[in-house]
Amino acid sequence: MEKVGNKLPTPFLLFTYLFLITALASSVMAWAGVSVAVPGSDEELHVKGLFTGEGLVWLTENVAENYIGFPPLVTVLPIMLAVGIAERSGMLSALIRKLFGSANKTVLPYAVGVIGVTASVMADAAFVVVPPLAAMVFRAAGRHPVAGLLGGFAAVGAGYSTALVPTSLDALFAGITNAVMGTLPGHEATEVNPVSNYFFNIASAVLLGFVAGWLIDRVLEPRMWRQDVPVERTASGQQEFETAKADDHRLDPELTAREWAALKVSLGVTLLVGVVITAAVLWPGSPWRNEDGGYLPQSPLLNSIVFIVVVFFAVMGIAYGMVAGTIRRFEDVVDMMGKSLVDLSGFLVLAFILGQFVELFNWTGIGTWTAVKGAALLESIGLTGFAAIVGFAVLASVLNLLIISGSAMWTLMAAVFVPMFALLGYEPGFTQAAFRVGDSATQIITPMNPYMIVILGLLRRYEPKAGLGTLMSRLVVFVVPFWITWVGLLAVWFYLDLPLGPGQGVFLAG
């Protein structure tokens, strides 16, 4: 796995190759006169080639638009600005520390599980904040710190695609999903937004959090005791930890009096804002209602989800920072927002080639041709029900061993499977939910995950001779239970036809 993964190109280079392959394939198909009849449309769709006069003009005229118009940028950027305030003011870290510190010894593994799953709201920072905090609170409670360390990492990684609250990942996935639906002209589907999977996400986060807690409590921790894994750090590991703790007080699970006061003010102000927004929305003459006076399936309220998420995170962060002293002037807020974009710079660069690939796939018609032919193949072999969805989740889990970037992998898979499953009668939002199931569980056992090295370094504070194999053998116990549990939950939604989120169903209407 490690050898194969190391030979893969970086995500940017990978999609550059895919762009060129699509360009060449589309040109050959265009020269051969390949076309396809789209179900529900009276016209034949002819594949267009990039390496033609028309194709080259399209590229030179639209390269900037393909990038700036990449839908995830519209939602991810504003949300990350607000999350940056909440994170850099110390609010999110303080909230996690308070939740850990409030859990008693018995429920501690389950608190680590639920909090770890939801910590993806902090993006990748969760991988370096949650595990060491979990180790400390486990040690303070007389439990095995390595169980807390590895359990916290497993909960964050294996449940990364879901959370109890909307996150920037929801916005990212929704933008990509909507972008690829343009390959099916004449097919009406519900537009996906950052809360289209929210009901499913809440159930997933709670269920997976408890599964993680049970595995930590009944499987991982007993194994640590049986194997006589040290509960104390080595001398060098302890010194390294004390230095890190001195440099970053967020590694201390105990809040100072000022931090606790700031957290209470932050939550109180956030609650007040929630009441104001709720009152404005529920008012009978509210402009956020649709023409029928409701909210589903579409309304100004659902179109304002990004604004609402931004307001909540910004208010939480600013209120906390003003009391805690991390925000003393308005320029501090601007600085935090700027640094959050710096953290996002890798995605902004990757988004350039992702946008080109998605638009080329749409413009050439290859996406439509692949979807129609793929759907026909699945129908011909009778693989159109939930079994096809499970197969899709399996493929996502296998690819996740080699392609860690969620945006890169969803861009690759959505381009084919969103329109393909739409032709089989499934809403794009449901296909996106199925992708979540396969996207996370296996990333805690692949060497392609850069945070595997980080967690290995933390583990070596207790076991200096621990290697990558040691780490993977202990984390693998989370993979299959998480995967089976999540697929089972998806089956409940599928067979009961439950709403995945506000206005988002499983099957296409009609």
Foldseek 3Di string as FASTA:
>chain_A
DQVVLVPDDALLVNLVVVLVVLQVVLCVQQVVFDWDDFPQDPDIGTFHHLPDPVNVVCCVVCLVVLQVVQQLCVQLLLLLLLLLLCVLLPQLLLVLLQQQVVDAQVCNLLSLLLCLLAVCLNPPVQLVQQLLLQLVSCVVNVFASVLRNLLNNLSNFQNNLAHQDQHSSLSLLLSLLQLLVLLRPNFDFQRGHSFQQNVVRNVLSNVRSVVSSCCSVPPQRVVCVVVVQFRAFDPVLVVVVVVVCVVPVSSPSDDDPLLVVLNVQLVVVLVVVVVVVVCLLPPQVRQQADPVSHCPPHTNVRVCVSVVSSVSSNSSSVSSSVRSVCDDDPVSSVVSSVVSVVVCVVVSVSSSSLSSSSVSLRVSSVLVVLLVVVLVVCVVVVNLAVNVLLVLLQVQQVVCLNHVDPSSSSSVVSSRVLSNNVVSFWHSSLSSLSSSLNNGLNNQQHPVNVSLVVSVVSSCSRVVPDDSVNRNVSSVVSRVVSNVVSSVSSVVCRVVQDRSGRNRTTGDDD
